[in-house]
Structures are given as C-alpha cells and as structure tokens.
C-alpha cells in the first residue's frame, strides 16, 4: 500500500448542472488539503460519470476538465444506464487511470465530504474497503425513511447481512475493484456485492446534509427496481417461501375439507356459507398471484442476465 496513494473521487451524474461547479470546487479543496498533509498523491483526481444527462452536465464537465487539467476527468455514457452501473464504470476506469483507491460520493454532496479524510486514514491503516454509514435519516421524508429501514430489515431477514444505512459513499482499493470485475451480472446491487467480497473492512459514520441544489434523481420506480435487484440477486428465500405457502395452503385446505366431510357424515349438516367460499377463493387467488409475481421477478432477472449485454457503453471520455 503506497504511503501517498493516488485517490480518485468518483461522482455519478444525471442532470446535475446546478451542482457541478460548487461540487468540483469543494472536492478539489479537500484533495488539496489531503495532499498538503501527504495523505494522498499529488496526481489524485475527480472522475465524473455522466449517466446519460440531457442538460448541460457534460458541457460543464468538459469545461472543468480544461480549467483543472489532470484533476477533473470524465466519462460519458451513450444513454442512461442507472446509478449502480455509473458507479461501477467509475471504479473500473479510475483503476485504468492509475488510482490506488477510489471513493464514490453523490454529486449533490449531501454526504459529508469532510469525512473523506477519515476514509483515507482507515485505508492507510490497512482496510481494503471502508463503508460509509449514515448516522440517521432525518433528511428523508417519512415514506422514504420507513421504506428504507424496512428494506434493510427485510434483506437481513433474507440472510443478506447488509449494514443498516450503508450508502454508496465508500472507499475501495484497486484490488477490490479488480475482484469485483470478476462478477459478471448485469443487474447490480453494489451494497450486496461488496458485502460478498470479504476482505478487511472498516466503517465511517457521517451525517447527511440537506440537498442545496437540484432534485433527487431517484424515483419510486428506480428505488423499487434497486430493491428488487438486491433481493433477487442475493437470496432464494422468496422462492422458498412460495413453496412453503403452497404447501401450507394445501395442508389447510385438506384439513378444511376433512372437517366438512366429518361434519356431513356425523351430524348430517351441509357446509354453510357462500360468503366463506367467495372470501376463500379471493384470498387463495391473491396468494397465487403474489407467488406468480415473485417467480416472475426472478425470471425477469434471469432473462436480463442470460442475454449478457454490455452493462454500459462509454461514448467518450476526457482525461
């Protein structure tokens, strides 16, 4: 591990024209401070990943590349591929550009950039992976807060031991990136993938600041897709639950039928209740559709994987 490693700050962007100028100035100041303390090498840099922006994001990145030669680099996707693939591309290209370690952070800098120093120190102390953990979710709305915490608890129930409030603010070594590139799946859930890798890891806890510019690019649908990728990529428990539910309902139906036969032949009572029949049919139908939906999610993920299409296409890059 070098005494003063080359650090890359990877920042995925999607229509972030309002934030980039201030973000670049802030991160360059952090890099300079770390360089002055001899914690990182002089040729450390920022790498922006333009994930198919339709505003002036790429134009701003190009301008900043000219203004800060060697300090600001950029890669541009041919279209929008999603945050997780933008992060992976940034990690991979950072290693190609000579980085020893890489930190990923959001373009709006809601994650505390002053903690970058703590990430680097833990890396220099031997951690191959340093994960950023949010202290709380005070800046989230009630719906996002409840859904996020429920997701983490559900993932842990499924056997995917992800640390609660783990974010995409993390440091990884170039060795981690090389190992990560052996994972060939198309649908990415990086928090789970990093958890699978092992290696020595450490944690940095940080506060999330209110967003000062722009709007969050995460929609309810994109959050749902990310959650489904996480569940279907790392756990077979939902599929096994389908089998368990099917067996349980068959067993209960058998007991109900047996009870009805006994009542018929011992007490000569017919089975009462059209309402009971209708409710039972509706309930069982709902369970069947739910189970089919779970199976469909896994089949959909399998369909995406077997096509083995490129995870992303880089249209151009500036270094």
C-alpha atoms as a PDB file:
ATOM      1  CA  UNK A   1       0.000   0.000   0.000  1.00  0.00           C
ATOM      2  CA  UNK A   2       1.653   3.285  -1.078  1.00  0.00           C
ATOM      3  CA  UNK A   3       2.398   5.928   1.584  1.00  0.00           C
ATOM      4  CA  UNK A   4       0.621   8.561  -0.514  1.00  0.00           C
ATOM      5  CA  UNK A   5      -1.911   6.710  -2.687  1.00  0.00           C
ATOM      6  CA  UNK A   6      -3.485   8.110  -5.816  1.00  0.00           C
ATOM      7  CA  UNK A   7      -7.083   8.793  -4.828  1.00  0.00           C
ATOM      8  CA  UNK A   8      -9.967   9.024  -7.288  1.00  0.00           C
ATOM      9  CA  UNK A   9     -13.258  10.633  -6.277  1.00  0.00           C
ATOM     10  CA  UNK A  10     -15.965   9.078  -8.467  1.00  0.00           C
ATOM     11  CA  UNK A  11     -19.116  11.178  -8.843  1.00  0.00           C
ATOM     12  CA  UNK A  12     -22.012   9.756 -10.897  1.00  0.00           C
ATOM     13  CA  UNK A  13     -24.112  12.482 -12.545  1.00  0.00           C
ATOM     14  CA  UNK A  14     -27.560  12.639 -14.048  1.00  0.00           C
ATOM     15  CA  UNK A  15     -28.703  16.162 -14.926  1.00  0.00           C
ATOM     16  CA  UNK A  16     -26.624  17.803 -12.193  1.00  0.00           C
ATOM     17  CA  UNK A  17     -25.761  21.068 -13.983  1.00  0.00           C
ATOM     18  CA  UNK A  18     -26.819  23.108 -10.959  1.00  0.00           C
ATOM     19  CA  UNK A  19     -24.401  21.361  -8.603  1.00  0.00           C
ATOM     20  CA  UNK A  20     -21.224  20.606 -10.546  1.00  0.00           C
ATOM     21  CA  UNK A  21     -19.381  23.908 -10.226  1.00  0.00           C
ATOM     22  CA  UNK A  22     -19.666  24.054  -6.444  1.00  0.00           C
ATOM     23  CA  UNK A  23     -19.051  20.307  -6.128  1.00  0.00           C
ATOM     24  CA  UNK A  24     -15.812  20.498  -8.109  1.00  0.00           C
ATOM     25  CA  UNK A  25     -14.518  23.428  -6.052  1.00  0.00           C
ATOM     26  CA  UNK A  26     -15.364  21.682  -2.774  1.00  0.00           C
ATOM     27  CA  UNK A  27     -13.789  18.341  -3.704  1.00  0.00           C
ATOM     28  CA  UNK A  28     -10.653  19.921  -5.179  1.00  0.00           C
ATOM     29  CA  UNK A  29     -10.199  21.817  -1.899  1.00  0.00           C
ATOM     30  CA  UNK A  30     -10.476  18.527   0.002  1.00  0.00           C
ATOM     31  CA  UNK A  31      -7.932  16.861  -2.305  1.00  0.00           C
ATOM     32  CA  UNK A  32      -5.522  19.771  -1.873  1.00  0.00           C
ATOM     33  CA  UNK A  33      -5.833  19.608   1.903  1.00  0.00           C
ATOM     34  CA  UNK A  34      -5.171  15.864   1.919  1.00  0.00           C
ATOM     35  CA  UNK A  35      -2.238  16.346  -0.448  1.00  0.00           C
ATOM     36  CA  UNK A  36      -0.738  19.033   1.811  1.00  0.00           C
ATOM     37  CA  UNK A  37      -0.866  16.509   4.677  1.00  0.00           C
ATOM     38  CA  UNK A  38       0.815  13.910   2.442  1.00  0.00           C
ATOM     39  CA  UNK A  39      -2.164  11.598   2.850  1.00  0.00           C
ATOM     40  CA  UNK A  40      -2.723  11.275  -0.906  1.00  0.00           C
ATOM     41  CA  UNK A  41      -0.609  11.715  -4.016  1.00  0.00           C
ATOM     42  CA  UNK A  42      -0.394  14.972  -5.953  1.00  0.00           C
ATOM     43  CA  UNK A  43      -1.999  13.396  -9.040  1.00  0.00           C
ATOM     44  CA  UNK A  44      -5.234  12.387  -7.265  1.00  0.00           C
ATOM     45  CA  UNK A  45      -8.312  13.394  -9.241  1.00  0.00           C
ATOM     46  CA  UNK A  46     -12.079  13.662  -9.634  1.00  0.00           C
ATOM     47  CA  UNK A  47     -13.819  11.368 -12.128  1.00  0.00           C
ATOM     48  CA  UNK A  48     -17.319  12.398 -13.199  1.00  0.00           C
ATOM     49  CA  UNK A  49     -19.539   9.743 -14.799  1.00  0.00           C
ATOM     50  CA  UNK A  50     -22.270  11.315 -16.933  1.00  0.00           C
ATOM     51  CA  UNK A  51     -25.099   8.782 -16.847  1.00  0.00           C
ATOM     52  CA  UNK A  52     -26.950   9.983 -19.940  1.00  0.00           C
ATOM     53  CA  UNK A  53     -27.682  13.561 -18.843  1.00  0.00           C
ATOM     54  CA  UNK A  54     -29.913  15.676 -21.081  1.00  0.00           C
ATOM     55  CA  UNK A  55     -28.916  19.066 -19.649  1.00  0.00           C
ATOM     56  CA  UNK A  56     -25.516  20.819 -19.713  1.00  0.00           C
ATOM     57  CA  UNK A  57     -23.828  18.397 -17.311  1.00  0.00           C
ATOM     58  CA  UNK A  58     -21.332  17.077 -19.865  1.00  0.00           C
ATOM     59  CA  UNK A  59     -20.517  20.566 -21.175  1.00  0.00           C
ATOM     60  CA  UNK A  60     -19.683  21.654 -17.628  1.00  0.00           C
ATOM     61  CA  UNK A  61     -17.502  18.575 -17.081  1.00  0.00           C
ATOM     62  CA  UNK A  62     -15.594  19.358 -20.281  1.00  0.00           C
ATOM     63  CA  UNK A  63     -15.082  22.975 -19.193  1.00  0.00           C
ATOM     64  CA  UNK A  64     -13.836  21.918 -15.779  1.00  0.00           C
ATOM     65  CA  UNK A  65     -11.500  19.388 -17.376  1.00  0.00           C
ATOM     66  CA  UNK A  66      -9.860  22.235 -19.315  1.00  0.00           C
ATOM     67  CA  UNK A  67      -9.733  24.521 -16.270  1.00  0.00           C
ATOM     68  CA  UNK A  68      -8.280  21.863 -13.952  1.00  0.00           C
ATOM     69  CA  UNK A  69      -6.082  19.819 -16.259  1.00  0.00           C
ATOM     70  CA  UNK A  70      -5.432  16.362 -14.845  1.00  0.00           C
ATOM     71  CA  UNK A  71      -7.554  16.995 -11.771  1.00  0.00           C
ATOM     72  CA  UNK A  72     -11.003  16.603 -13.345  1.00  0.00           C
ATOM     73  CA  UNK A  73     -11.684  13.679 -15.681  1.00  0.00           C
ATOM     74  CA  UNK A  74     -14.947  12.477 -17.165  1.00  0.00           C
ATOM     75  CA  UNK A  75     -16.648   9.613 -18.934  1.00  0.00           C
ATOM     76  CA  UNK A  76     -19.962   9.885 -20.751  1.00  0.00           C
ATOM     77  CA  UNK A  77     -22.431   7.036 -21.228  1.00  0.00           C
ATOM     78  CA  UNK A  78     -24.228   6.697 -24.545  1.00  0.00           C
ATOM     79  CA  UNK A  79     -27.518   6.725 -22.596  1.00  0.00           C
ATOM     80  CA  UNK A  80     -28.827   6.428 -19.064  1.00  0.00           C
ATOM     81  CA  UNK A  81     -27.809   3.083 -17.537  1.00  0.00           C
ATOM     82  CA  UNK A  82     -28.500   3.769 -13.872  1.00  0.00           C
ATOM     83  CA  UNK A  83     -26.619   4.839 -10.776  1.00  0.00           C
ATOM     84  CA  UNK A  84     -25.156   1.437  -9.922  1.00  0.00           C
ATOM     85  CA  UNK A  85     -23.615   0.967 -13.358  1.00  0.00           C
ATOM     86  CA  UNK A  86     -22.290   4.524 -13.322  1.00  0.00           C
ATOM     87  CA  UNK A  87     -20.537   3.793 -10.027  1.00  0.00           C
ATOM     88  CA  UNK A  88     -19.081   0.541 -11.380  1.00  0.00           C
ATOM     89  CA  UNK A  89     -17.823   2.294 -14.516  1.00  0.00           C
ATOM     90  CA  UNK A  90     -16.223   4.981 -12.370  1.00  0.00           C
ATOM     91  CA  UNK A  91     -14.457   2.386 -10.235  1.00  0.00           C
ATOM     92  CA  UNK A  92     -13.166   0.464 -13.233  1.00  0.00           C
ATOM     93  CA  UNK A  93     -11.982   3.493 -15.182  1.00  0.00           C
ATOM     94  CA  UNK A  94     -10.356   5.001 -12.086  1.00  0.00           C
ATOM     95  CA  UNK A  95      -8.126   1.948 -11.804  1.00  0.00           C
ATOM     96  CA  UNK A  96      -7.342   2.239 -15.522  1.00  0.00           C
ATOM     97  CA  UNK A  97      -6.374   5.872 -14.898  1.00  0.00           C
ATOM     98  CA  UNK A  98      -3.921   4.817 -12.192  1.00  0.00           C
ATOM     99  CA  UNK A  99      -5.874   5.186  -8.940  1.00  0.00           C
ATOM    100  CA  UNK A 100      -4.806   3.153  -5.909  1.00  0.00           C
ATOM    101  CA  UNK A 101      -8.086   3.722  -4.089  1.00  0.00           C
ATOM    102  CA  UNK A 102     -11.457   5.163  -5.030  1.00  0.00           C
ATOM    103  CA  UNK A 103     -14.182   6.966  -3.107  1.00  0.00           C
ATOM    104  CA  UNK A 104     -17.696   7.225  -4.538  1.00  0.00           C
ATOM    105  CA  UNK A 105     -19.899  10.140  -3.483  1.00  0.00           C
ATOM    106  CA  UNK A 106     -23.088  11.782  -4.751  1.00  0.00           C
ATOM    107  CA  UNK A 107     -22.906  14.898  -6.915  1.00  0.00           C
ATOM    108  CA  UNK A 108     -25.039  16.960  -4.541  1.00  0.00           C
ATOM    109  CA  UNK A 109     -22.542  16.369  -1.692  1.00  0.00           C
ATOM    110  CA  UNK A 110     -25.286  15.596   0.806  1.00  0.00           C
ATOM    111  CA  UNK A 111     -22.826  13.053   2.137  1.00  0.00           C
ATOM    112  CA  UNK A 112     -20.256  14.821   4.301  1.00  0.00           C
ATOM    113  CA  UNK A 113     -17.185  15.414   2.114  1.00  0.00           C
ATOM    114  CA  UNK A 114     -15.141  16.273   5.208  1.00  0.00           C
ATOM    115  CA  UNK A 115     -15.204  12.580   6.100  1.00  0.00           C
ATOM    116  CA  UNK A 116     -13.068  11.764   3.040  1.00  0.00           C
ATOM    117  CA  UNK A 117     -10.014  12.201   5.262  1.00  0.00           C
ATOM    118  CA  UNK A 118     -11.328   9.520   7.635  1.00  0.00           C
ATOM    119  CA  UNK A 119     -11.834   7.125   4.714  1.00  0.00           C
ATOM    120  CA  UNK A 120      -8.239   7.640   3.551  1.00  0.00           C
ATOM    121  CA  UNK A 121      -6.759   7.208   7.033  1.00  0.00           C
ATOM    122  CA  UNK A 122      -8.618   3.919   7.550  1.00  0.00           C
ATOM    123  CA  UNK A 123      -7.409   2.762   4.129  1.00  0.00           C
ATOM    124  CA  UNK A 124      -3.816   3.641   5.020  1.00  0.00           C
ATOM    125  CA  UNK A 125      -4.286   1.678   8.248  1.00  0.00           C
ATOM    126  CA  UNK A 126      -4.966  -1.460   6.226  1.00  0.00           C
ATOM    127  CA  UNK A 127      -8.666  -1.529   5.343  1.00  0.00           C
ATOM    128  CA  UNK A 128      -9.280  -2.590   1.735  1.00  0.00           C
ATOM    129  CA  UNK A 129     -12.863  -1.357   1.926  1.00  0.00           C
ATOM    130  CA  UNK A 130     -14.266   1.481   4.038  1.00  0.00           C
ATOM    131  CA  UNK A 131     -18.056   1.733   4.100  1.00  0.00           C
ATOM    132  CA  UNK A 132     -19.940   4.952   4.777  1.00  0.00           C
ATOM    133  CA  UNK A 133     -22.824   4.551   7.235  1.00  0.00           C
ATOM    134  CA  UNK A 134     -25.449   7.233   7.745  1.00  0.00           C
ATOM    135  CA  UNK A 135     -25.948   8.258  11.367  1.00  0.00           C
ATOM    136  CA  UNK A 136     -29.667   8.796  10.822  1.00  0.00           C
ATOM    137  CA  UNK A 137     -32.348   9.561   8.227  1.00  0.00           C
ATOM    138  CA  UNK A 138     -33.507  12.954   9.465  1.00  0.00           C
ATOM    139  CA  UNK A 139     -33.274  14.460   5.976  1.00  0.00           C
ATOM    140  CA  UNK A 140     -35.585  11.802   4.466  1.00  0.00           C
ATOM    141  CA  UNK A 141     -39.328  12.071   4.155  1.00  0.00           C
ATOM    142  CA  UNK A 142     -41.435   9.695   6.238  1.00  0.00           C
ATOM    143  CA  UNK A 143     -42.222   7.376   3.303  1.00  0.00           C
ATOM    144  CA  UNK A 144     -38.595   7.055   2.204  1.00  0.00           C
ATOM    145  CA  UNK A 145     -37.419   6.648   5.789  1.00  0.00           C
ATOM    146  CA  UNK A 146     -39.867   3.820   6.548  1.00  0.00           C
ATOM    147  CA  UNK A 147     -39.321   2.065   3.217  1.00  0.00           C
ATOM    148  CA  UNK A 148     -35.516   2.241   3.510  1.00  0.00           C
ATOM    149  CA  UNK A 149     -35.390   0.881   7.053  1.00  0.00           C
ATOM    150  CA  UNK A 150     -37.920  -1.818   6.148  1.00  0.00           C
ATOM    151  CA  UNK A 151     -35.798  -2.815   3.170  1.00  0.00           C
ATOM    152  CA  UNK A 152     -32.647  -3.242   5.268  1.00  0.00           C
ATOM    153  CA  UNK A 153     -34.512  -5.286   7.869  1.00  0.00           C
ATOM    154  CA  UNK A 154     -36.109  -7.419   5.167  1.00  0.00           C
ATOM    155  CA  UNK A 155     -32.746  -8.027   3.470  1.00  0.00           C
ATOM    156  CA  UNK A 156     -31.243  -9.146   6.758  1.00  0.00           C
ATOM    157  CA  UNK A 157     -34.199 -11.471   7.340  1.00  0.00           C
ATOM    158  CA  UNK A 158     -33.461 -12.973   3.922  1.00  0.00           C
ATOM    159  CA  UNK A 159     -29.890 -13.692   5.006  1.00  0.00           C
ATOM    160  CA  UNK A 160     -28.211 -10.780   3.182  1.00  0.00           C
ATOM    161  CA  UNK A 161     -26.307  -9.160   6.031  1.00  0.00           C
ATOM    162  CA  UNK A 162     -26.085  -5.554   4.856  1.00  0.00           C
ATOM    163  CA  UNK A 163     -25.297  -2.941   7.477  1.00  0.00           C
ATOM    164  CA  UNK A 164     -28.303  -0.716   8.102  1.00  0.00           C
ATOM    165  CA  UNK A 165     -27.983   2.733   6.465  1.00  0.00           C
ATOM    166  CA  UNK A 166     -24.984   1.650   4.384  1.00  0.00           C
ATOM    167  CA  UNK A 167     -24.834   4.090   1.484  1.00  0.00           C
ATOM    168  CA  UNK A 168     -22.935   4.324  -1.798  1.00  0.00           C
ATOM    169  CA  UNK A 169     -20.447   6.599  -0.037  1.00  0.00           C
ATOM    170  CA  UNK A 170     -17.471   4.261   0.314  1.00  0.00           C
ATOM    171  CA  UNK A 171     -13.778   3.757  -0.349  1.00  0.00           C
ATOM    172  CA  UNK A 172     -12.437   0.667  -2.087  1.00  0.00           C
ATOM    173  CA  UNK A 173      -8.922  -0.308  -3.084  1.00  0.00           C
ATOM    174  CA  UNK A 174      -7.897  -1.080  -6.650  1.00  0.00           C
ATOM    175  CA  UNK A 175      -7.532  -4.742  -5.595  1.00  0.00           C
ATOM    176  CA  UNK A 176     -11.211  -4.787  -4.615  1.00  0.00           C
ATOM    177  CA  UNK A 177     -12.198  -3.320  -7.987  1.00  0.00           C
ATOM    178  CA  UNK A 178     -10.215  -5.981  -9.854  1.00  0.00           C
ATOM    179  CA  UNK A 179     -12.001  -8.716  -7.907  1.00  0.00           C
ATOM    180  CA  UNK A 180     -15.370  -7.008  -8.364  1.00  0.00           C
ATOM    181  CA  UNK A 181     -14.919  -7.046 -12.132  1.00  0.00           C
ATOM    182  CA  UNK A 182     -14.985 -10.862 -11.997  1.00  0.00           C
ATOM    183  CA  UNK A 183     -18.666 -10.586 -11.096  1.00  0.00           C
ATOM    184  CA  UNK A 184     -20.459 -10.556 -14.430  1.00  0.00           C
ATOM    185  CA  UNK A 185     -24.111  -9.992 -13.533  1.00  0.00           C
ATOM    186  CA  UNK A 186     -25.978  -7.265 -15.376  1.00  0.00           C
ATOM    187  CA  UNK A 187     -28.374  -6.249 -12.611  1.00  0.00           C
ATOM    188  CA  UNK A 188     -26.168  -4.678  -9.986  1.00  0.00           C
ATOM    189  CA  UNK A 189     -26.730  -4.169  -6.284  1.00  0.00           C
ATOM    190  CA  UNK A 190     -23.304  -3.000  -5.203  1.00  0.00           C
ATOM    191  CA  UNK A 191     -24.015  -2.895  -1.485  1.00  0.00           C
ATOM    192  CA  UNK A 192     -24.699  -6.600  -1.573  1.00  0.00           C
ATOM    193  CA  UNK A 193     -21.783  -7.353  -3.886  1.00  0.00           C
ATOM    194  CA  UNK A 194     -19.267  -5.577  -1.657  1.00  0.00           C
ATOM    195  CA  UNK A 195     -20.676  -7.491   1.295  1.00  0.00           C
ATOM    196  CA  UNK A 196     -19.983 -10.752  -0.572  1.00  0.00           C
ATOM    197  CA  UNK A 197     -16.333  -9.972  -1.251  1.00  0.00           C
ATOM    198  CA  UNK A 198     -14.945 -10.272   2.254  1.00  0.00           C
ATOM    199  CA  UNK A 199     -11.545  -8.556   2.684  1.00  0.00           C
ATOM    200  CA  UNK A 200     -10.677  -6.317   5.602  1.00  0.00           C
ATOM    201  CA  UNK A 201     -13.255  -3.574   6.006  1.00  0.00           C
ATOM    202  CA  UNK A 202     -13.873  -0.610   8.270  1.00  0.00           C
ATOM    203  CA  UNK A 203     -16.624   1.959   8.708  1.00  0.00           C
ATOM    204  CA  UNK A 204     -17.017   5.736   8.675  1.00  0.00           C
ATOM    205  CA  UNK A 205     -20.169   7.268  10.143  1.00  0.00           C
ATOM    206  CA  UNK A 206     -21.448  10.534   8.704  1.00  0.00           C
ATOM    207  CA  UNK A 207     -24.370  12.943   8.756  1.00  0.00           C
ATOM    208  CA  UNK A 208     -26.420  13.679   5.646  1.00  0.00           C
ATOM    209  CA  UNK A 209     -26.870  17.341   4.783  1.00  0.00           C
ATOM    210  CA  UNK A 210     -29.990  18.833   3.173  1.00  0.00           C
ATOM    211  CA  UNK A 211     -29.754  18.980  -0.613  1.00  0.00           C
ATOM    212  CA  UNK A 212     -28.734  22.513  -1.647  1.00  0.00           C
ATOM    213  CA  UNK A 213     -29.292  22.302  -5.394  1.00  0.00           C
ATOM    214  CA  UNK A 214     -31.154  20.244  -7.950  1.00  0.00           C
ATOM    215  CA  UNK A 215     -33.530  17.400  -7.213  1.00  0.00           C
ATOM    216  CA  UNK A 216     -33.014  13.764  -6.337  1.00  0.00           C
ATOM    217  CA  UNK A 217     -32.961  11.571  -9.438  1.00  0.00           C
ATOM    218  CA  UNK A 218     -34.254   8.558  -7.551  1.00  0.00           C
ATOM    219  CA  UNK A 219     -37.906   7.889  -8.359  1.00  0.00           C
ATOM    220  CA  UNK A 220     -40.150   5.402  -6.524  1.00  0.00           C
ATOM    221  CA  UNK A 221     -39.814   3.078  -9.530  1.00  0.00           C
ATOM    222  CA  UNK A 222     -35.995   3.249  -9.584  1.00  0.00           C
ATOM    223  CA  UNK A 223     -35.871   2.591  -5.834  1.00  0.00           C
ATOM    224  CA  UNK A 224     -38.212  -0.362  -6.304  1.00  0.00           C
ATOM    225  CA  UNK A 225     -36.024  -1.724  -9.132  1.00  0.00           C
ATOM    226  CA  UNK A 226     -32.910  -1.361  -6.980  1.00  0.00           C
ATOM    227  CA  UNK A 227     -34.606  -3.168  -4.103  1.00  0.00           C
ATOM    228  CA  UNK A 228     -35.772  -5.997  -6.367  1.00  0.00           C
ATOM    229  CA  UNK A 229     -32.271  -6.357  -7.824  1.00  0.00           C
ATOM    230  CA  UNK A 230     -30.912  -6.636  -4.298  1.00  0.00           C
ATOM    231  CA  UNK A 231     -33.437  -9.250  -3.223  1.00  0.00           C
ATOM    232  CA  UNK A 232     -33.344 -11.428  -6.320  1.00  0.00           C
ATOM    233  CA  UNK A 233     -29.552 -11.230  -6.701  1.00  0.00           C
ATOM    234  CA  UNK A 234     -28.674 -12.367  -3.204  1.00  0.00           C
ATOM    235  CA  UNK A 235     -31.458 -14.507  -1.761  1.00  0.00           C
ATOM    236  CA  UNK A 236     -33.547 -17.521  -2.738  1.00  0.00           C
ATOM    237  CA  UNK A 237     -35.729 -17.178   0.341  1.00  0.00           C
ATOM    238  CA  UNK A 238     -38.718 -15.603  -1.533  1.00  0.00           C
ATOM    239  CA  UNK A 239     -38.813 -18.579  -3.909  1.00  0.00           C
ATOM    240  CA  UNK A 240     -38.676 -20.988  -0.992  1.00  0.00           C
ATOM    241  CA  UNK A 241     -41.467 -19.002   0.656  1.00  0.00           C
ATOM    242  CA  UNK A 242     -43.616 -19.686  -2.421  1.00  0.00           C
ATOM    243  CA  UNK A 243     -43.097 -23.414  -1.912  1.00  0.00           C
ATOM    244  CA  UNK A 244     -43.845 -23.095   1.813  1.00  0.00           C
ATOM    245  CA  UNK A 245     -47.008 -21.043   1.222  1.00  0.00           C
ATOM    246  CA  UNK A 246     -48.225 -23.513  -1.403  1.00  0.00           C
ATOM    247  CA  UNK A 247     -47.649 -26.468   0.916  1.00  0.00           C
ATOM    248  CA  UNK A 248     -49.266 -24.682   3.876  1.00  0.00           C
ATOM    249  CA  UNK A 249     -52.373 -23.691   1.956  1.00  0.00           C
ATOM    250  CA  UNK A 250     -52.739 -27.192   0.528  1.00  0.00           C
ATOM    251  CA  UNK A 251     -52.486 -28.615   4.034  1.00  0.00           C
ATOM    252  CA  UNK A 252     -55.045 -26.128   5.435  1.00  0.00           C
ATOM    253  CA  UNK A 253     -57.399 -26.863   2.532  1.00  0.00           C
ATOM    254  CA  UNK A 254     -57.096 -30.579   3.243  1.00  0.00           C
ATOM    255  CA  UNK A 255     -57.988 -30.026   6.919  1.00  0.00           C
ATOM    256  CA  UNK A 256     -60.989 -27.855   5.995  1.00  0.00           C
ATOM    257  CA  UNK A 257     -62.202 -30.466   3.523  1.00  0.00           C
ATOM    258  CA  UNK A 258     -61.734 -33.248   6.059  1.00  0.00           C
ATOM    259  CA  UNK A 259     -63.639 -31.232   8.675  1.00  0.00           C
ATOM    260  CA  UNK A 260     -66.504 -30.660   6.237  1.00  0.00           C
ATOM    261  CA  UNK A 261     -66.742 -34.379   5.426  1.00  0.00           C
ATOM    262  CA  UNK A 262     -66.746 -35.344   9.095  1.00  0.00           C
ATOM    263  CA  UNK A 263     -69.464 -32.778   9.851  1.00  0.00           C
ATOM    264  CA  UNK A 264     -71.510 -34.005   6.893  1.00  0.00           C
ATOM    265  CA  UNK A 265     -71.443 -37.684   7.811  1.00  0.00           C
ATOM    266  CA  UNK A 266     -71.601 -37.378  11.628  1.00  0.00           C
ATOM    267  CA  UNK A 267     -74.096 -34.540  12.053  1.00  0.00           C
ATOM    268  CA  UNK A 268     -75.722 -34.585   8.609  1.00  0.00           C
ATOM    269  CA  UNK A 269     -75.050 -30.844   8.327  1.00  0.00           C
ATOM    270  CA  UNK A 270     -74.298 -29.344   4.914  1.00  0.00           C
ATOM    271  CA  UNK A 271     -71.370 -26.964   4.636  1.00  0.00           C
ATOM    272  CA  UNK A 272     -72.836 -23.455   5.180  1.00  0.00           C
ATOM    273  CA  UNK A 273     -71.772 -20.173   3.717  1.00  0.00           C
ATOM    274  CA  UNK A 274     -71.433 -18.865   0.197  1.00  0.00           C
ATOM    275  CA  UNK A 275     -69.595 -15.883   1.737  1.00  0.00           C
ATOM    276  CA  UNK A 276     -66.957 -18.183   3.170  1.00  0.00           C
ATOM    277  CA  UNK A 277     -66.417 -19.778  -0.230  1.00  0.00           C
ATOM    278  CA  UNK A 278     -66.117 -16.461  -2.053  1.00  0.00           C
ATOM    279  CA  UNK A 279     -63.714 -14.995   0.528  1.00  0.00           C
ATOM    280  CA  UNK A 280     -61.605 -18.157   0.471  1.00  0.00           C
ATOM    281  CA  UNK A 281     -61.392 -18.136  -3.329  1.00  0.00           C
ATOM    282  CA  UNK A 282     -60.416 -14.457  -3.321  1.00  0.00           C
ATOM    283  CA  UNK A 283     -57.775 -14.995  -0.657  1.00  0.00           C
ATOM    284  CA  UNK A 284     -56.265 -18.017  -2.374  1.00  0.00           C
ATOM    285  CA  UNK A 285     -56.290 -16.227  -5.748  1.00  0.00           C
ATOM    286  CA  UNK A 286     -54.438 -13.286  -4.229  1.00  0.00           C
ATOM    287  CA  UNK A 287     -51.802 -15.593  -2.761  1.00  0.00           C
ATOM    288  CA  UNK A 288     -51.409 -17.312  -6.144  1.00  0.00           C
ATOM    289  CA  UNK A 289     -50.904 -14.012  -7.966  1.00  0.00           C
ATOM    290  CA  UNK A 290     -48.395 -12.877  -5.335  1.00  0.00           C
ATOM    291  CA  UNK A 291     -46.435 -16.103  -5.728  1.00  0.00           C
ATOM    292  CA  UNK A 292     -46.519 -15.778  -9.512  1.00  0.00           C
ATOM    293  CA  UNK A 293     -45.229 -12.214  -9.141  1.00  0.00           C
ATOM    294  CA  UNK A 294     -42.285 -13.387  -7.034  1.00  0.00           C
ATOM    295  CA  UNK A 295     -41.437 -16.062  -9.578  1.00  0.00           C
ATOM    296  CA  UNK A 296     -41.795 -13.503 -12.391  1.00  0.00           C
ATOM    297  CA  UNK A 297     -39.260 -11.188 -10.693  1.00  0.00           C
ATOM    298  CA  UNK A 298     -36.682 -13.961 -10.655  1.00  0.00           C
ATOM    299  CA  UNK A 299     -37.466 -14.951 -14.246  1.00  0.00           C
ATOM    300  CA  UNK A 300     -37.142 -11.326 -15.323  1.00  0.00           C
ATOM    301  CA  UNK A 301     -33.724 -11.041 -13.676  1.00  0.00           C
ATOM    302  CA  UNK A 302     -32.674 -14.325 -15.302  1.00  0.00           C
ATOM    303  CA  UNK A 303     -33.881 -13.046 -18.687  1.00  0.00           C
ATOM    304  CA  UNK A 304     -31.711  -9.935 -18.314  1.00  0.00           C
ATOM    305  CA  UNK A 305     -28.661 -11.953 -17.301  1.00  0.00           C
ATOM    306  CA  UNK A 306     -28.710 -14.643 -19.998  1.00  0.00           C
ATOM    307  CA  UNK A 307     -28.690 -12.028 -22.772  1.00  0.00           C
ATOM    308  CA  UNK A 308     -25.258 -10.963 -21.471  1.00  0.00           C
ATOM    309  CA  UNK A 309     -25.482  -7.486 -22.990  1.00  0.00           C
ATOM    310  CA  UNK A 310     -22.871  -4.883 -22.022  1.00  0.00           C
ATOM    311  CA  UNK A 311     -23.517  -3.292 -18.645  1.00  0.00           C
ATOM    312  CA  UNK A 312     -22.915   0.131 -20.152  1.00  0.00           C
ATOM    313  CA  UNK A 313     -21.431   1.818 -23.229  1.00  0.00           C
ATOM    314  CA  UNK A 314     -18.952   4.664 -22.829  1.00  0.00           C
ATOM    315  CA  UNK A 315     -19.482   7.173 -25.613  1.00  0.00           C
ATOM    316  CA  UNK A 316     -16.471   9.316 -24.825  1.00  0.00           C
ATOM    317  CA  UNK A 317     -14.002  10.095 -22.054  1.00  0.00           C
ATOM    318  CA  UNK A 318     -11.772  13.012 -21.168  1.00  0.00           C
ATOM    319  CA  UNK A 319      -8.635  12.652 -19.035  1.00  0.00           C
END
